[in-house]
PDB file of N, CA and C in Angstrom:
ATOM      1  N   MET A   1      -9.590-140.775-259.078  1.00  0.00           N
ATOM      2  CA  MET A   1      -9.573-141.837-258.095  1.00  0.00           C
ATOM      3  C   MET A   1      -8.576-142.099-257.295  1.00  0.00           C
ATOM      4  N   PHE A   2      -7.247-142.235-258.119  1.00  0.00           N
ATOM      5  CA  PHE A   2      -5.432-142.824-257.247  1.00  0.00           C
ATOM      6  C   PHE A   2      -5.207-141.319-257.857  1.00  0.00           C
ATOM      7  N   GLY A   3      -5.716-139.875-258.271  1.00  0.00           N
ATOM      8  CA  GLY A   3      -4.543-139.498-258.124  1.00  0.00           C
ATOM      9  C   GLY A   3      -4.934-138.648-256.583  1.00  0.00           C
ATOM     10  N   LEU A   4      -6.064-138.193-256.213  1.00  0.00           N
ATOM     11  CA  LEU A   4      -7.457-137.551-255.109  1.00  0.00           C
ATOM     12  C   LEU A   4      -6.294-138.383-254.037  1.00  0.00           C
ATOM     13  N   LEU A   5      -6.504-139.641-253.787  1.00  0.00           N
ATOM     14  CA  LEU A   5      -5.537-141.358-253.577  1.00  0.00           C
ATOM     15  C   LEU A   5      -4.014-140.822-252.706  1.00  0.00           C
ATOM     16  N   GLY A   6      -3.123-140.511-253.927  1.00  0.00           N
ATOM     17  CA  GLY A   6      -1.979-140.167-253.831  1.00  0.00           C
ATOM     18  C   GLY A   6      -1.892-138.821-252.967  1.00  0.00           C
ATOM     19  N   LEU A   7      -2.668-138.082-252.897  1.00  0.00           N
ATOM     20  CA  LEU A   7      -3.097-136.139-252.919  1.00  0.00           C
ATOM     21  C   LEU A   7      -2.734-136.840-251.008  1.00  0.00           C
ATOM     22  N   VAL A   8      -3.569-137.747-250.856  1.00  0.00           N
ATOM     23  CA  VAL A   8      -4.393-137.327-249.538  1.00  0.00           C
ATOM     24  C   VAL A   8      -3.230-138.258-248.699  1.00  0.00           C
ATOM     25  N   LEU A   9      -3.038-139.660-249.330  1.00  0.00           N
ATOM     26  CA  LEU A   9      -1.759-139.758-248.688  1.00  0.00           C
ATOM     27  C   LEU A   9      -0.239-139.520-248.908  1.00  0.00           C
ATOM     28  N   ILE A  10       0.076-138.164-249.197  1.00  0.00           N
ATOM     29  CA  ILE A  10       1.303-137.407-249.455  1.00  0.00           C
ATOM     30  C   ILE A  10       1.235-136.492-248.370  1.00  0.00           C
ATOM     31  N   LEU A  11      -0.150-135.108-248.235  1.00  0.00           N
ATOM     32  CA  LEU A  11       0.243-135.005-247.138  1.00  0.00           C
ATOM     33  C   LEU A  11      -0.259-135.851-245.586  1.00  0.00           C
ATOM     34  N   VAL A  12      -0.559-136.234-245.686  1.00  0.00           N
ATOM     35  CA  VAL A  12      -0.539-137.457-244.647  1.00  0.00           C
ATOM     36  C   VAL A  12       0.635-137.579-243.685  1.00  0.00           C
ATOM     37  N   ALA A  13       1.948-137.878-245.262  1.00  0.00           N
ATOM     38  CA  ALA A  13       3.637-137.914-244.962  1.00  0.00           C
ATOM     39  C   ALA A  13       3.743-136.619-244.214  1.00  0.00           C
ATOM     40  N   TRP A  14       3.075-135.775-244.576  1.00  0.00           N
ATOM     41  CA  TRP A  14       3.861-134.341-244.606  1.00  0.00           C
ATOM     42  C   TRP A  14       3.930-134.082-243.584  1.00  0.00           C
ATOM     43  N   ALA A  15       2.364-133.861-242.888  1.00  0.00           N
ATOM     44  CA  ALA A  15       2.418-133.306-241.895  1.00  0.00           C
ATOM     45  C   ALA A  15       2.887-133.844-240.773  1.00  0.00           C
ATOM     46  N   PRO A  16       3.473-134.269-240.120  1.00  0.00           N
ATOM     47  CA  PRO A  16       4.464-134.385-239.465  1.00  0.00           C
ATOM     48  C   PRO A  16       5.417-133.436-238.983  1.00  0.00           C
ATOM     49  N   GLY A  17       5.889-134.352-240.416  1.00  0.00           N
ATOM     50  CA  GLY A  17       7.461-132.792-240.727  1.00  0.00           C
ATOM     51  C   GLY A  17       7.657-131.336-240.351  1.00  0.00           C
ATOM     52  N   VAL A  18       6.475-130.851-240.859  1.00  0.00           N
ATOM     53  CA  VAL A  18       5.382-129.492-240.814  1.00  0.00           C
ATOM     54  C   VAL A  18       5.811-129.273-239.555  1.00  0.00           C
ATOM     55  N   ALA A  19       4.461-130.154-238.729  1.00  0.00           N
ATOM     56  CA  ALA A  19       3.711-129.876-237.489  1.00  0.00           C
ATOM     57  C   ALA A  19       5.014-129.471-236.962  1.00  0.00           C
ATOM     58  N   GLU A  20       6.213-130.396-236.758  1.00  0.00           N
ATOM     59  CA  GLU A  20       7.992-130.579-236.342  1.00  0.00           C
ATOM     60  C   GLU A  20       8.252-129.739-236.220  1.00  0.00           C
ATOM     61  N   THR A  21       8.516-129.035-237.470  1.00  0.00           N
ATOM     62  CA  THR A  21       9.005-127.243-237.444  1.00  0.00           C
ATOM     63  C   THR A  21       8.643-126.339-237.113  1.00  0.00           C
ATOM     64  N   ILE A  22       7.382-126.368-236.949  1.00  0.00           N
ATOM     65  CA  ILE A  22       6.252-125.576-236.304  1.00  0.00           C
ATOM     66  C   ILE A  22       6.282-125.081-235.017  1.00  0.00           C
ATOM     67  N   ARG A  23       7.015-126.841-234.413  1.00  0.00           N
ATOM     68  CA  ARG A  23       7.155-126.678-232.893  1.00  0.00           C
ATOM     69  C   ARG A  23       7.735-126.520-231.716  1.00  0.00           C
ATOM     70  N   GLN A  24       9.021-127.177-233.177  1.00  0.00           N
ATOM     71  CA  GLN A  24       9.944-126.073-232.826  1.00  0.00           C
ATOM     72  C   GLN A  24      11.154-125.348-233.047  1.00  0.00           C
ATOM     73  N   LYS A  25      10.081-125.064-233.477  1.00  0.00           N
ATOM     74  CA  LYS A  25      10.914-122.885-234.548  1.00  0.00           C
ATOM     75  C   LYS A  25      11.772-122.936-234.737  1.00  0.00           C
ATOM     76  N   LYS A  26      12.358-124.156-235.475  1.00  0.00           N
ATOM     77  CA  LYS A  26      13.533-124.141-236.323  1.00  0.00           C
ATOM     78  C   LYS A  26      13.604-124.706-237.801  1.00  0.00           C
ATOM     79  N   PRO A  27      13.343-124.862-238.729  1.00  0.00           N
ATOM     80  CA  PRO A  27      13.637-125.266-239.364  1.00  0.00           C
ATOM     81  C   PRO A  27      14.875-126.951-239.931  1.00  0.00           C
ATOM     82  N   GLY A  28      14.064-127.603-240.357  1.00  0.00           N
ATOM     83  CA  GLY A  28      14.801-129.186-240.458  1.00  0.00           C
ATOM     84  C   GLY A  28      16.032-129.065-242.286  1.00  0.00           C
ATOM     85  N   LEU A  29      15.851-128.474-242.775  1.00  0.00           N
ATOM     86  CA  LEU A  29      16.007-128.369-244.395  1.00  0.00           C
ATOM     87  C   LEU A  29      17.636-126.475-244.504  1.00  0.00           C
ATOM     88  N   LYS A  30      18.352-126.866-245.518  1.00  0.00           N
ATOM     89  CA  LYS A  30      18.752-125.732-245.593  1.00  0.00           C
ATOM     90  C   LYS A  30      18.101-125.118-246.579  1.00  0.00           C
ATOM     91  N   LEU A  31      19.421-123.895-247.246  1.00  0.00           N
ATOM     92  CA  LEU A  31      17.871-122.757-247.621  1.00  0.00           C
ATOM     93  C   LEU A  31      17.759-123.371-248.388  1.00  0.00           C
ATOM     94  N   GLU A  32      18.807-123.810-249.219  1.00  0.00           N
ATOM     95  CA  GLU A  32      19.381-123.767-250.662  1.00  0.00           C
ATOM     96  C   GLU A  32      18.145-125.065-251.470  1.00  0.00           C
ATOM     97  N   PHE A  33      18.112-125.925-250.752  1.00  0.00           N
ATOM     98  CA  PHE A  33      17.399-127.090-250.756  1.00  0.00           C
ATOM     99  C   PHE A  33      15.611-126.675-250.387  1.00  0.00           C
ATOM    100  N   ILE A  34      15.262-125.828-250.277  1.00  0.00           N
ATOM    101  CA  ILE A  34      14.060-125.377-249.289  1.00  0.00           C
ATOM    102  C   ILE A  34      13.799-123.973-250.660  1.00  0.00           C
ATOM    103  N   ILE A  35      14.892-123.652-251.334  1.00  0.00           N
ATOM    104  CA  ILE A  35      14.375-122.553-252.907  1.00  0.00           C
ATOM    105  C   ILE A  35      14.208-123.658-253.311  1.00  0.00           C
ATOM    106  N   ILE A  36      15.361-124.845-254.146  1.00  0.00           N
ATOM    107  CA  ILE A  36      15.193-125.643-255.318  1.00  0.00           C
ATOM    108  C   ILE A  36      13.907-126.490-255.132  1.00  0.00           C
ATOM    109  N   TYR A  37      12.834-127.048-253.581  1.00  0.00           N
ATOM    110  CA  TYR A  37      12.209-127.409-253.613  1.00  0.00           C
ATOM    111  C   TYR A  37      10.762-126.805-253.580  1.00  0.00           C
ATOM    112  N   PHE A  38      11.027-125.391-253.288  1.00  0.00           N
ATOM    113  CA  PHE A  38       9.666-123.840-253.685  1.00  0.00           C
ATOM    114  C   PHE A  38       9.269-124.255-254.943  1.00  0.00           C
ATOM    115  N   LEU A  39      10.483-123.991-255.567  1.00  0.00           N
ATOM    116  CA  LEU A  39      10.610-123.371-257.540  1.00  0.00           C
ATOM    117  C   LEU A  39       9.743-125.232-257.865  1.00  0.00           C
ATOM    118  N   GLY A  40      10.671-125.537-257.503  1.00  0.00           N
ATOM    119  CA  GLY A  40      10.651-127.137-258.285  1.00  0.00           C
ATOM    120  C   GLY A  40       8.525-127.725-257.883  1.00  0.00           C
ATOM    121  N   SER A  41       8.249-127.548-256.931  1.00  0.00           N
ATOM    122  CA  SER A  41       6.764-127.184-256.998  1.00  0.00           C
ATOM    123  C   SER A  41       6.246-126.226-257.442  1.00  0.00           C
ATOM    124  N   LEU A  42       6.587-125.857-257.938  1.00  0.00           N
ATOM    125  CA  LEU A  42       5.789-124.550-258.105  1.00  0.00           C
ATOM    126  C   LEU A  42       5.670-124.499-259.867  1.00  0.00           C
ATOM    127  N   CYS A  43       6.780-125.502-260.292  1.00  0.00           N
ATOM    128  CA  CYS A  43       6.717-125.376-261.819  1.00  0.00           C
ATOM    129  C   CYS A  43       5.904-126.627-262.024  1.00  0.00           C
ATOM    130  N   LEU A  44       5.931-127.301-261.186  1.00  0.00           N
ATOM    131  CA  LEU A  44       4.830-128.182-261.282  1.00  0.00           C
ATOM    132  C   LEU A  44       3.539-127.779-260.553  1.00  0.00           C
ATOM    133  N   VAL A  45       2.906-127.121-260.485  1.00  0.00           N
ATOM    134  CA  VAL A  45       0.879-126.597-260.228  1.00  0.00           C
ATOM    135  C   VAL A  45       1.135-125.796-261.673  1.00  0.00           C
ATOM    136  N   VAL A  46       2.375-124.721-262.149  1.00  0.00           N
ATOM    137  CA  VAL A  46       1.945-124.881-263.765  1.00  0.00           C
ATOM    138  C   VAL A  46       1.638-126.193-264.576  1.00  0.00           C
ATOM    139  N   TYR A  47       2.665-127.013-264.963  1.00  0.00           N
ATOM    140  CA  TYR A  47       2.241-127.824-265.523  1.00  0.00           C
ATOM    141  C   TYR A  47       0.851-128.749-264.408  1.00  0.00           C
ATOM    142  N   GLY A  48       0.835-128.797-263.782  1.00  0.00           N
ATOM    143  CA  GLY A  48      -0.554-129.713-263.584  1.00  0.00           C
ATOM    144  C   GLY A  48      -2.134-128.555-263.988  1.00  0.00           C
ATOM    145  N   ILE A  49      -2.017-127.322-264.031  1.00  0.00           N
ATOM    146  CA  ILE A  49      -2.391-126.300-265.200  1.00  0.00           C
ATOM    147  C   ILE A  49      -2.694-126.555-265.788  1.00  0.00           C
ATOM    148  N   GLN A  50      -1.341-127.265-266.941  1.00  0.00           N
ATOM    149  CA  GLN A  50      -1.815-126.619-268.191  1.00  0.00           C
ATOM    150  C   GLN A  50      -2.087-128.651-268.243  1.00  0.00           C
ATOM    151  N   LEU A  51      -1.784-129.266-267.879  1.00  0.00           N
ATOM    152  CA  LEU A  51      -2.366-130.698-267.920  1.00  0.00           C
ATOM    153  C   LEU A  51      -3.760-130.581-267.797  1.00  0.00           C
ATOM    154  N   ASN A  52      -4.504-129.965-267.328  1.00  0.00           N
ATOM    155  CA  ASN A  52      -5.755-129.592-266.770  1.00  0.00           C
ATOM    156  C   ASN A  52      -6.234-130.634-265.347  1.00  0.00           C
ATOM    157  N   ALA A  53      -5.197-130.662-264.315  1.00  0.00           N
ATOM    158  CA  ALA A  53      -5.719-131.806-263.599  1.00  0.00           C
ATOM    159  C   ALA A  53      -5.259-131.516-261.631  1.00  0.00           C
ATOM    160  N   LEU A  54      -6.471-130.932-261.559  1.00  0.00           N
ATOM    161  CA  LEU A  54      -6.674-130.597-260.303  1.00  0.00           C
ATOM    162  C   LEU A  54      -5.887-131.197-258.831  1.00  0.00           C
ATOM    163  N   PRO A  55      -6.452-132.699-258.787  1.00  0.00           N
ATOM    164  CA  PRO A  55      -4.873-132.934-257.909  1.00  0.00           C
ATOM    165  C   PRO A  55      -3.815-132.802-257.473  1.00  0.00           C
ATOM    166  N   PHE A  56      -3.532-132.882-259.078  1.00  0.00           N
ATOM    167  CA  PHE A  56      -1.933-132.753-259.099  1.00  0.00           C
ATOM    168  C   PHE A  56      -1.519-131.370-258.762  1.00  0.00           C
ATOM    169  N   VAL A  57      -2.456-130.471-259.754  1.00  0.00           N
ATOM    170  CA  VAL A  57      -2.339-129.270-258.718  1.00  0.00           C
ATOM    171  C   VAL A  57      -2.192-128.472-257.427  1.00  0.00           C
ATOM    172  N   ILE A  58      -3.339-129.244-256.721  1.00  0.00           N
ATOM    173  CA  ILE A  58      -3.212-129.102-255.994  1.00  0.00           C
ATOM    174  C   ILE A  58      -2.388-129.879-254.364  1.00  0.00           C
ATOM    175  N   LEU A  59      -1.301-130.723-255.288  1.00  0.00           N
ATOM    176  CA  LEU A  59      -0.397-131.535-254.087  1.00  0.00           C
ATOM    177  C   LEU A  59       0.456-130.767-254.065  1.00  0.00           C
ATOM    178  N   ASN A  60       0.792-129.858-255.421  1.00  0.00           N
ATOM    179  CA  ASN A  60       1.811-129.330-255.527  1.00  0.00           C
ATOM    180  C   ASN A  60       1.586-127.758-255.491  1.00  0.00           C
ATOM    181  N   ALA A  61       0.332-127.097-254.790  1.00  0.00           N
ATOM    182  CA  ALA A  61       0.642-125.763-254.377  1.00  0.00           C
ATOM    183  C   ALA A  61       0.571-126.280-252.885  1.00  0.00           C
ATOM    184  N   LEU A  62       0.216-127.381-252.720  1.00  0.00           N
ATOM    185  CA  LEU A  62       0.698-127.634-251.259  1.00  0.00           C
ATOM    186  C   LEU A  62       2.124-127.533-250.718  1.00  0.00           C
ATOM    187  N   ALA A  63       3.201-128.530-251.676  1.00  0.00           N
ATOM    188  CA  ALA A  63       4.130-128.814-251.415  1.00  0.00           C
ATOM    189  C   ALA A  63       4.666-127.658-251.968  1.00  0.00           C
ATOM    190  N   ALA A  64       3.829-126.868-252.122  1.00  0.00           N
ATOM    191  CA  ALA A  64       5.145-125.440-252.531  1.00  0.00           C
ATOM    192  C   ALA A  64       4.785-124.609-251.361  1.00  0.00           C
ATOM    193  N   MET A  65       4.029-124.607-250.349  1.00  0.00           N
ATOM    194  CA  MET A  65       4.159-124.320-249.074  1.00  0.00           C
ATOM    195  C   MET A  65       4.884-124.451-247.957  1.00  0.00           C
ATOM    196  N   VAL A  66       5.025-125.653-248.105  1.00  0.00           N
ATOM    197  CA  VAL A  66       6.109-126.539-247.346  1.00  0.00           C
ATOM    198  C   VAL A  66       7.399-125.906-247.153  1.00  0.00           C
ATOM    199  N   PRO A  67       8.292-126.126-248.055  1.00  0.00           N
ATOM    200  CA  PRO A  67       9.274-125.387-247.874  1.00  0.00           C
ATOM    201  C   PRO A  67       9.635-123.740-247.197  1.00  0.00           C
ATOM    202  N   LEU A  68       7.815-123.328-247.417  1.00  0.00           N
ATOM    203  CA  LEU A  68       7.209-120.943-247.547  1.00  0.00           C
ATOM    204  C   LEU A  68       8.003-121.498-245.146  1.00  0.00           C
ATOM    205  N   VAL A  69       7.184-123.043-244.935  1.00  0.00           N
ATOM    206  CA  VAL A  69       7.134-122.663-243.515  1.00  0.00           C
ATOM    207  C   VAL A  69       8.734-123.042-243.134  1.00  0.00           C
ATOM    208  N   HIS A  70       9.318-123.651-244.181  1.00  0.00           N
ATOM    209  CA  HIS A  70      11.142-123.697-242.722  1.00  0.00           C
ATOM    210  C   HIS A  70      11.638-122.924-243.764  1.00  0.00           C
ATOM    211  N   LEU A  71      11.356-122.174-244.697  1.00  0.00           N
ATOM    212  CA  LEU A  71      11.855-120.528-245.336  1.00  0.00           C
ATOM    213  C   LEU A  71      11.587-119.489-243.294  1.00  0.00           C
ATOM    214  N   TYR A  72      10.636-119.450-243.389  1.00  0.00           N
ATOM    215  CA  TYR A  72       9.770-118.539-242.420  1.00  0.00           C
ATOM    216  C   TYR A  72      11.094-119.112-241.343  1.00  0.00           C
ATOM    217  N   TYR A  73      10.727-120.539-240.873  1.00  0.00           N
ATOM    218  CA  TYR A  73      11.805-119.684-238.996  1.00  0.00           C
ATOM    219  C   TYR A  73      12.512-119.959-239.526  1.00  0.00           C
ATOM    220  N   LEU A  74      13.382-120.585-240.441  1.00  0.00           N
ATOM    221  CA  LEU A  74      14.945-120.137-241.289  1.00  0.00           C
ATOM    222  C   LEU A  74      15.313-118.974-240.954  1.00  0.00           C
ATOM    223  N   LEU A  75      14.565-117.836-241.602  1.00  0.00           N
ATOM    224  CA  LEU A  75      14.644-116.408-241.541  1.00  0.00           C
ATOM    225  C   LEU A  75      13.993-116.005-239.753  1.00  0.00           C
ATOM    226  N   ALA A  76      13.446-116.026-238.979  1.00  0.00           N
ATOM    227  CA  ALA A  76      12.719-115.891-238.193  1.00  0.00           C
ATOM    228  C   ALA A  76      14.172-116.204-236.966  1.00  0.00           C
ATOM    229  N   GLY A  77      14.395-117.476-237.378  1.00  0.00           N
ATOM    230  CA  GLY A  77      15.794-117.508-236.405  1.00  0.00           C
ATOM    231  C   GLY A  77      17.225-116.681-236.803  1.00  0.00           C
ATOM    232  N   ARG A  78      17.302-116.898-238.442  1.00  0.00           N
ATOM    233  CA  ARG A  78      18.392-116.018-238.118  1.00  0.00           C
ATOM    234  C   ARG A  78      18.279-114.331-237.452  1.00  0.00           C
ATOM    235  N   GLY A  79      16.484-113.976-237.505  1.00  0.00           N
ATOM    236  CA  GLY A  79      16.452-112.663-236.757  1.00  0.00           C
ATOM    237  C   GLY A  79      16.242-112.920-235.094  1.00  0.00           C
ATOM    238  N   LEU A  80      16.737-113.644-234.965  1.00  0.00           N
ATOM    239  CA  LEU A  80      16.411-113.807-233.403  1.00  0.00           C
ATOM    240  C   LEU A  80      18.168-113.727-232.551  1.00  0.00           C
ATOM    241  N   GLN A  81      19.153-114.464-234.204  1.00  0.00           N
ATOM    242  CA  GLN A  81      19.775-114.316-233.831  1.00  0.00           C
ATOM    243  C   GLN A  81      20.954-113.339-233.398  1.00  0.00           C
ATOM    244  N   GLY A  82      20.716-112.568-234.794  1.00  0.00           N
ATOM    245  CA  GLY A  82      20.708-110.835-234.680  1.00  0.00           C
ATOM    246  C   GLY A  82      20.642-110.492-233.708  1.00  0.00           C
ATOM    247  N   SER A  83      19.553-110.578-233.150  1.00  0.00           N
ATOM    248  CA  SER A  83      18.824-109.272-231.833  1.00  0.00           C
ATOM    249  C   SER A  83      19.452-109.689-230.469  1.00  0.00           C
ATOM    250  N   GLY A  84      20.216-110.998-230.302  1.00  0.00           N
ATOM    251  CA  GLY A  84      20.757-110.899-229.378  1.00  0.00           C
ATOM    252  C   GLY A  84      19.874-111.879-228.186  1.00  0.00           C
ATOM    253  N   LYS A  85      18.424-112.536-228.675  1.00  0.00           N
ATOM    254  CA  LYS A  85      17.634-113.373-227.918  1.00  0.00           C
ATOM    255  C   LYS A  85      17.787-114.067-228.151  1.00  0.00           C
TER     256      LYS A  85
END
């Protein structure tokens, strides 16, 4: 019960930041942090699988997607700058 409650609360907390990144079309995070965040979340997914803890796996799988959104806009922004737009 507490695992699912924690999952929902964390997702609610992340949603505005991800929505803002998508709206502004630029990340609020540095590349180094994005990579570390993604790798850390990925490691926690594997750990959750080992523990057979579904809420932990779901939460960290979603957490791994958050930095990917930032990475997309970081790379898209660099592409736009490089093409003269």
